[in-house]
C-alpha atoms as a PDB file:
ATOM      1  CA  MET A   1      11.443   6.137 -16.971  1.00  0.00           C
ATOM      2  CA  ASN A   2      10.625   7.271 -13.307  1.00  0.00           C
ATOM      3  CA  PHE A   3       6.791   7.970 -14.863  1.00  0.00           C
ATOM      4  CA  LEU A   4       6.763   4.103 -15.753  1.00  0.00           C
ATOM      5  CA  ILE A   5       7.805   3.236 -11.887  1.00  0.00           C
ATOM      6  CA  TYR A   6       5.648   5.492 -10.448  1.00  0.00           C
ATOM      7  CA  ILE A   7       2.721   3.922 -12.275  1.00  0.00           C
ATOM      8  CA  ILE A   8       3.607   0.485 -11.703  1.00  0.00           C
ATOM      9  CA  VAL A   9       4.337   0.948  -7.955  1.00  0.00           C
ATOM     10  CA  GLY A  10       1.433   3.022  -7.481  1.00  0.00           C
ATOM     11  CA  GLY A  11      -0.613   0.165  -9.217  1.00  0.00           C
ATOM     12  CA  ILE A  12       0.653  -2.202  -6.827  1.00  0.00           C
ATOM     13  CA  ALA A  13      -0.229  -0.188  -3.443  1.00  0.00           C
ATOM     14  CA  GLY A  14      -3.759   0.761  -5.269  1.00  0.00           C
ATOM     15  CA  TRP A  15      -4.406  -2.704  -5.725  1.00  0.00           C
ATOM     16  CA  LEU A  16      -3.256  -3.748  -1.970  1.00  0.00           C
ATOM     17  CA  ALA A  17      -5.025  -1.389  -0.543  1.00  0.00           C
ATOM     18  CA  SER A  18      -8.394  -2.082  -2.489  1.00  0.00           C
ATOM     19  CA  ILE A  19      -7.785  -5.885  -1.287  1.00  0.00           C
ATOM     20  CA  LEU A  20      -7.291  -4.877   2.540  1.00  0.00           C
ATOM     21  CA  MET A  21     -10.221  -2.361   2.196  1.00  0.00           C
ATOM     22  CA  ARG A  22     -12.648  -5.093   0.738  1.00  0.00           C
ATOM     23  CA  THR A  23     -12.976  -2.828  -2.569  1.00  0.00           C
ATOM     24  CA  ASN A  24     -11.104  -4.887  -5.302  1.00  0.00           C
ATOM     25  CA  GLY A  25     -14.235  -6.437  -6.591  1.00  0.00           C
ATOM     26  CA  GLN A  26     -15.328  -2.521  -7.482  1.00  0.00           C
ATOM     27  CA  GLN A  27     -12.597  -1.346  -8.979  1.00  0.00           C
ATOM     28  CA  GLY A  28     -10.291  -2.350 -12.152  1.00  0.00           C
ATOM     29  CA  ILE A  29      -6.610  -2.095 -12.879  1.00  0.00           C
ATOM     30  CA  LEU A  30      -7.299   1.581 -14.238  1.00  0.00           C
ATOM     31  CA  LEU A  31      -8.775   2.714 -10.832  1.00  0.00           C
ATOM     32  CA  ASN A  32      -6.195   0.903  -8.865  1.00  0.00           C
ATOM     33  CA  ILE A  33      -3.649   2.787 -10.616  1.00  0.00           C
ATOM     34  CA  VAL A  34      -5.115   5.932  -9.829  1.00  0.00           C
ATOM     35  CA  VAL A  35      -6.089   5.603  -6.448  1.00  0.00           C
ATOM     36  CA  GLY A  36      -2.178   4.235  -5.732  1.00  0.00           C
ATOM     37  CA  ILE A  37      -0.905   7.133  -6.832  1.00  0.00           C
ATOM     38  CA  ILE A  38      -3.053   9.709  -5.312  1.00  0.00           C
ATOM     39  CA  GLY A  39      -2.337   7.527  -2.264  1.00  0.00           C
ATOM     40  CA  GLY A  40       1.292   8.387  -3.081  1.00  0.00           C
ATOM     41  CA  PHE A  41       0.532  11.938  -2.878  1.00  0.00           C
ATOM     42  CA  ILE A  42      -1.580  11.697   0.030  1.00  0.00           C
ATOM     43  CA  GLY A  43       1.162   9.775   2.047  1.00  0.00           C
ATOM     44  CA  GLY A  44       4.098  11.671   1.042  1.00  0.00           C
ATOM     45  CA  TRP A  45       1.926  14.755   2.239  1.00  0.00           C
ATOM     46  CA  LEU A  46       0.664  13.388   5.662  1.00  0.00           C
ATOM     47  CA  LEU A  47       3.336  11.220   6.625  1.00  0.00           C
ATOM     48  CA  PRO A  48       6.142  13.676   6.968  1.00  0.00           C
ATOM     49  CA  MET A  49       3.787  16.046   9.051  1.00  0.00           C
ATOM     50  CA  LEU A  50       3.191  13.000  11.227  1.00  0.00           C
ATOM     51  CA  GLY A  51       7.102  12.701  11.471  1.00  0.00           C
ATOM     52  CA  VAL A  52       7.185   9.388   9.672  1.00  0.00           C
ATOM     53  CA  SER A  53       9.576   8.409   7.207  1.00  0.00           C
ATOM     54  CA  PHE A  54      10.099   4.990   5.329  1.00  0.00           C
ATOM     55  CA  GLY A  55      13.144   6.330   3.322  1.00  0.00           C
ATOM     56  CA  ALA A  56      13.985   6.144  -0.500  1.00  0.00           C
ATOM     57  CA  GLY A  57      13.373   4.012  -2.932  1.00  0.00           C
ATOM     58  CA  TRP A  58      10.732   1.965  -4.205  1.00  0.00           C
ATOM     59  CA  ILE A  59      10.004  -0.208  -0.812  1.00  0.00           C
ATOM     60  CA  GLY A  60       9.409   3.175   0.979  1.00  0.00           C
ATOM     61  CA  PHE A  61       7.163   4.782  -2.160  1.00  0.00           C
ATOM     62  CA  LEU A  62       5.421   1.548  -2.154  1.00  0.00           C
ATOM     63  CA  LEU A  63       4.934   1.832   1.931  1.00  0.00           C
ATOM     64  CA  THR A  64       3.963   5.359   1.922  1.00  0.00           C
ATOM     65  CA  ALA A  65       1.694   4.901  -1.431  1.00  0.00           C
ATOM     66  CA  LEU A  66       0.099   2.344   0.526  1.00  0.00           C
ATOM     67  CA  ILE A  67      -1.056   4.315   3.784  1.00  0.00           C
ATOM     68  CA  GLY A  68      -2.151   6.754   1.292  1.00  0.00           C
ATOM     69  CA  ALA A  69      -4.579   4.781  -0.667  1.00  0.00           C
ATOM     70  CA  ILE A  70      -5.812   3.106   2.300  1.00  0.00           C
ATOM     71  CA  ILE A  71      -6.586   6.729   3.618  1.00  0.00           C
ATOM     72  CA  LEU A  72      -8.269   7.403   0.686  1.00  0.00           C
ATOM     73  CA  LEU A  73     -10.259   4.356   0.337  1.00  0.00           C
ATOM     74  CA  ALA A  74     -11.019   4.784   3.826  1.00  0.00           C
ATOM     75  CA  ILE A  75     -12.098   8.261   3.290  1.00  0.00           C
ATOM     76  CA  VAL A  76     -14.417   7.071  -0.491  1.00  0.00           C
ATOM     77  CA  ASN A  77     -16.253   4.400   1.906  1.00  0.00           C
ATOM     78  CA  LEU A  78     -17.070   6.818   4.431  1.00  0.00           C
ATOM     79  CA  ILE A  79     -18.709   9.349   1.905  1.00  0.00           C
ATOM     80  CA  ARG A  80     -20.282   6.438  -0.023  1.00  0.00           C
ATOM     81  CA  ARG A  81     -21.688   4.138   2.857  1.00  0.00           C
ATOM     82  CA  GLY A  82     -21.465   6.507   6.190  1.00  0.00           C
ATOM     83  CA  SER A  83     -18.824   4.166   7.728  1.00  0.00           C
ATOM     84  CA  ALA A  84     -15.352   2.898   7.109  1.00  0.00           C
ATOM     85  CA  ARG A  85     -14.831  -1.004   6.919  1.00  0.00           C
END
C-alpha cells in the first residue's frame, strides 16, 4: 500500500515541479511520476545533509520530493540547453 502512495505523491511532486520549471508540455504523466520518485530520492539524500527536515508523513514526503524533482529538472535543463530556467 505504501508503494501506491509513493507513486501518487511522486506523481504530484513531479507534476508540480514540471509546472514550476516550465517543462510540463514536454512531459507526460508517466515521466512526471518518474521525476517525482527520483526527486524523492534526491531530496531524501540531499536535504538531511543540509540539515533540512520536513518531518514524517505524506506532506513531508511531498515537499522533499518536490524540491528533489526541481533540482533534477534544473540539472536536466542545464544539460539540455546549457542554462536552468
